[in-house]
């Protein structure tokens, strides 16, 4: 999850939206040419985006702080104990 103002996306995008179980509007944005997922947004956190990690040009300085849907990660995906993890979608918002 990243602050919307810190993200720059180029290229033609398409999107679809749906209502979540918590009553918010979820929008998934994807490449209009190939359909690859790019990011998601949620009306509960309008100032943040969830990026698909494969879309980041340079993730070398990325510090992972929170993992959502940890239950779905591959068994070999190991993160440090300082990373906050949620098995499913939490009722949580980023600090600041």
C-alpha atoms as a PDB file:
ATOM      1  CA  UNK A   1       0.000   0.000   0.000  1.00  0.00           C
ATOM      2  CA  UNK A   2       1.415   3.350  -1.034  1.00  0.00           C
ATOM      3  CA  UNK A   3       0.349   6.964  -0.688  1.00  0.00           C
ATOM      4  CA  UNK A   4      -1.458   7.887  -3.921  1.00  0.00           C
ATOM      5  CA  UNK A   5       0.590  11.069  -4.286  1.00  0.00           C
ATOM      6  CA  UNK A   6       3.826   9.030  -4.321  1.00  0.00           C
ATOM      7  CA  UNK A   7       2.782   6.872  -7.295  1.00  0.00           C
ATOM      8  CA  UNK A   8       3.181   7.730 -10.982  1.00  0.00           C
ATOM      9  CA  UNK A   9       1.615   5.430 -13.580  1.00  0.00           C
ATOM     10  CA  UNK A  10       1.939   5.732 -17.342  1.00  0.00           C
ATOM     11  CA  UNK A  11       0.166   3.916 -20.156  1.00  0.00           C
ATOM     12  CA  UNK A  12      -3.434   3.182 -21.018  1.00  0.00           C
ATOM     13  CA  UNK A  13      -5.438   1.816 -18.098  1.00  0.00           C
ATOM     14  CA  UNK A  14      -8.862   0.252 -17.659  1.00  0.00           C
ATOM     15  CA  UNK A  15     -10.730  -0.455 -14.454  1.00  0.00           C
ATOM     16  CA  UNK A  16     -13.662  -2.200 -12.865  1.00  0.00           C
ATOM     17  CA  UNK A  17     -15.327  -1.541  -9.526  1.00  0.00           C
ATOM     18  CA  UNK A  18     -17.398  -3.517  -7.058  1.00  0.00           C
ATOM     19  CA  UNK A  19     -18.779  -3.201  -3.537  1.00  0.00           C
ATOM     20  CA  UNK A  20     -16.813  -4.958  -0.812  1.00  0.00           C
ATOM     21  CA  UNK A  21     -18.263  -6.977   2.060  1.00  0.00           C
ATOM     22  CA  UNK A  22     -17.470  -3.988   4.291  1.00  0.00           C
ATOM     23  CA  UNK A  23     -19.567  -1.647   2.130  1.00  0.00           C
ATOM     24  CA  UNK A  24     -16.749   0.246   0.434  1.00  0.00           C
ATOM     25  CA  UNK A  25     -16.202   0.680  -3.290  1.00  0.00           C
ATOM     26  CA  UNK A  26     -13.175  -1.261  -4.557  1.00  0.00           C
ATOM     27  CA  UNK A  27     -11.629  -0.403  -7.930  1.00  0.00           C
ATOM     28  CA  UNK A  28      -9.123  -2.637  -9.715  1.00  0.00           C
ATOM     29  CA  UNK A  29      -6.995  -0.928 -12.343  1.00  0.00           C
ATOM     30  CA  UNK A  30      -5.265  -2.936 -15.050  1.00  0.00           C
ATOM     31  CA  UNK A  31      -3.335  -2.521 -18.307  1.00  0.00           C
ATOM     32  CA  UNK A  32      -5.808  -1.853 -21.106  1.00  0.00           C
ATOM     33  CA  UNK A  33      -3.576  -3.740 -23.571  1.00  0.00           C
ATOM     34  CA  UNK A  34      -2.675  -6.976 -21.774  1.00  0.00           C
ATOM     35  CA  UNK A  35      -4.938  -7.037 -18.704  1.00  0.00           C
ATOM     36  CA  UNK A  36      -2.117  -7.221 -16.136  1.00  0.00           C
ATOM     37  CA  UNK A  37      -3.179  -5.870 -12.715  1.00  0.00           C
ATOM     38  CA  UNK A  38      -1.570  -2.534 -11.872  1.00  0.00           C
ATOM     39  CA  UNK A  39      -3.179  -1.235  -8.671  1.00  0.00           C
ATOM     40  CA  UNK A  40      -6.300  -1.192  -6.557  1.00  0.00           C
ATOM     41  CA  UNK A  41      -8.037   1.528  -4.603  1.00  0.00           C
ATOM     42  CA  UNK A  42     -10.720   1.512  -1.947  1.00  0.00           C
ATOM     43  CA  UNK A  43     -13.060   4.277  -0.794  1.00  0.00           C
ATOM     44  CA  UNK A  44     -12.189   3.390   2.827  1.00  0.00           C
ATOM     45  CA  UNK A  45      -8.595   4.558   2.156  1.00  0.00           C
ATOM     46  CA  UNK A  46      -8.890   7.090  -0.667  1.00  0.00           C
ATOM     47  CA  UNK A  47      -5.364   8.449  -0.138  1.00  0.00           C
ATOM     48  CA  UNK A  48      -3.701   5.045  -0.702  1.00  0.00           C
ATOM     49  CA  UNK A  49      -3.210   2.544  -3.531  1.00  0.00           C
ATOM     50  CA  UNK A  50      -2.317  -1.123  -3.408  1.00  0.00           C
ATOM     51  CA  UNK A  51       0.241  -1.838  -6.113  1.00  0.00           C
ATOM     52  CA  UNK A  52       0.945  -5.196  -7.683  1.00  0.00           C
ATOM     53  CA  UNK A  53       4.640  -5.699  -6.905  1.00  0.00           C
ATOM     54  CA  UNK A  54       5.490  -6.788 -10.442  1.00  0.00           C
ATOM     55  CA  UNK A  55       4.633  -3.271 -11.619  1.00  0.00           C
ATOM     56  CA  UNK A  56       7.374  -1.502  -9.663  1.00  0.00           C
ATOM     57  CA  UNK A  57      10.355  -0.548 -11.853  1.00  0.00           C
ATOM     58  CA  UNK A  58      12.848  -0.453  -8.989  1.00  0.00           C
ATOM     59  CA  UNK A  59      11.882  -2.053  -5.673  1.00  0.00           C
ATOM     60  CA  UNK A  60      15.434  -2.051  -4.264  1.00  0.00           C
ATOM     61  CA  UNK A  61      14.561   0.575  -1.624  1.00  0.00           C
ATOM     62  CA  UNK A  62      11.199  -0.951  -0.728  1.00  0.00           C
ATOM     63  CA  UNK A  63      10.799  -1.732   2.970  1.00  0.00           C
ATOM     64  CA  UNK A  64       7.891  -4.074   3.601  1.00  0.00           C
ATOM     65  CA  UNK A  65       5.989  -3.107   6.730  1.00  0.00           C
ATOM     66  CA  UNK A  66       2.600  -4.848   6.388  1.00  0.00           C
ATOM     67  CA  UNK A  67       1.376  -7.962   4.594  1.00  0.00           C
ATOM     68  CA  UNK A  68      -2.327  -8.494   3.915  1.00  0.00           C
ATOM     69  CA  UNK A  69      -3.634 -11.935   2.881  1.00  0.00           C
ATOM     70  CA  UNK A  70      -0.546 -13.540   4.390  1.00  0.00           C
ATOM     71  CA  UNK A  71      -2.427 -16.847   4.333  1.00  0.00           C
ATOM     72  CA  UNK A  72      -2.057 -16.896   0.533  1.00  0.00           C
ATOM     73  CA  UNK A  73       1.694 -16.387   0.317  1.00  0.00           C
ATOM     74  CA  UNK A  74       3.941 -19.216  -0.907  1.00  0.00           C
ATOM     75  CA  UNK A  75       5.583 -21.314   1.826  1.00  0.00           C
ATOM     76  CA  UNK A  76       9.032 -20.073   0.772  1.00  0.00           C
ATOM     77  CA  UNK A  77       8.110 -16.380   1.177  1.00  0.00           C
ATOM     78  CA  UNK A  78       9.755 -15.431   4.485  1.00  0.00           C
ATOM     79  CA  UNK A  79       9.629 -11.929   5.928  1.00  0.00           C
ATOM     80  CA  UNK A  80      11.188 -10.573   9.088  1.00  0.00           C
ATOM     81  CA  UNK A  81       9.370 -10.744  12.402  1.00  0.00           C
ATOM     82  CA  UNK A  82       9.014  -6.938  12.373  1.00  0.00           C
ATOM     83  CA  UNK A  83       6.570  -7.163   9.444  1.00  0.00           C
ATOM     84  CA  UNK A  84       2.947  -6.902  10.574  1.00  0.00           C
ATOM     85  CA  UNK A  85       0.892  -9.654   8.910  1.00  0.00           C
ATOM     86  CA  UNK A  86      -2.840 -10.179   8.508  1.00  0.00           C
ATOM     87  CA  UNK A  87      -4.260 -13.499   7.283  1.00  0.00           C
ATOM     88  CA  UNK A  88      -7.178 -11.704   5.557  1.00  0.00           C
ATOM     89  CA  UNK A  89      -8.389  -8.146   4.993  1.00  0.00           C
ATOM     90  CA  UNK A  90      -8.125  -6.379   8.362  1.00  0.00           C
ATOM     91  CA  UNK A  91     -10.097  -3.488   9.721  1.00  0.00           C
ATOM     92  CA  UNK A  92      -6.856  -1.474   9.694  1.00  0.00           C
ATOM     93  CA  UNK A  93      -5.549   1.766   8.223  1.00  0.00           C
ATOM     94  CA  UNK A  94      -1.952   2.897   7.692  1.00  0.00           C
ATOM     95  CA  UNK A  95      -0.516   5.293  10.230  1.00  0.00           C
ATOM     96  CA  UNK A  96       0.000   8.882   9.112  1.00  0.00           C
END
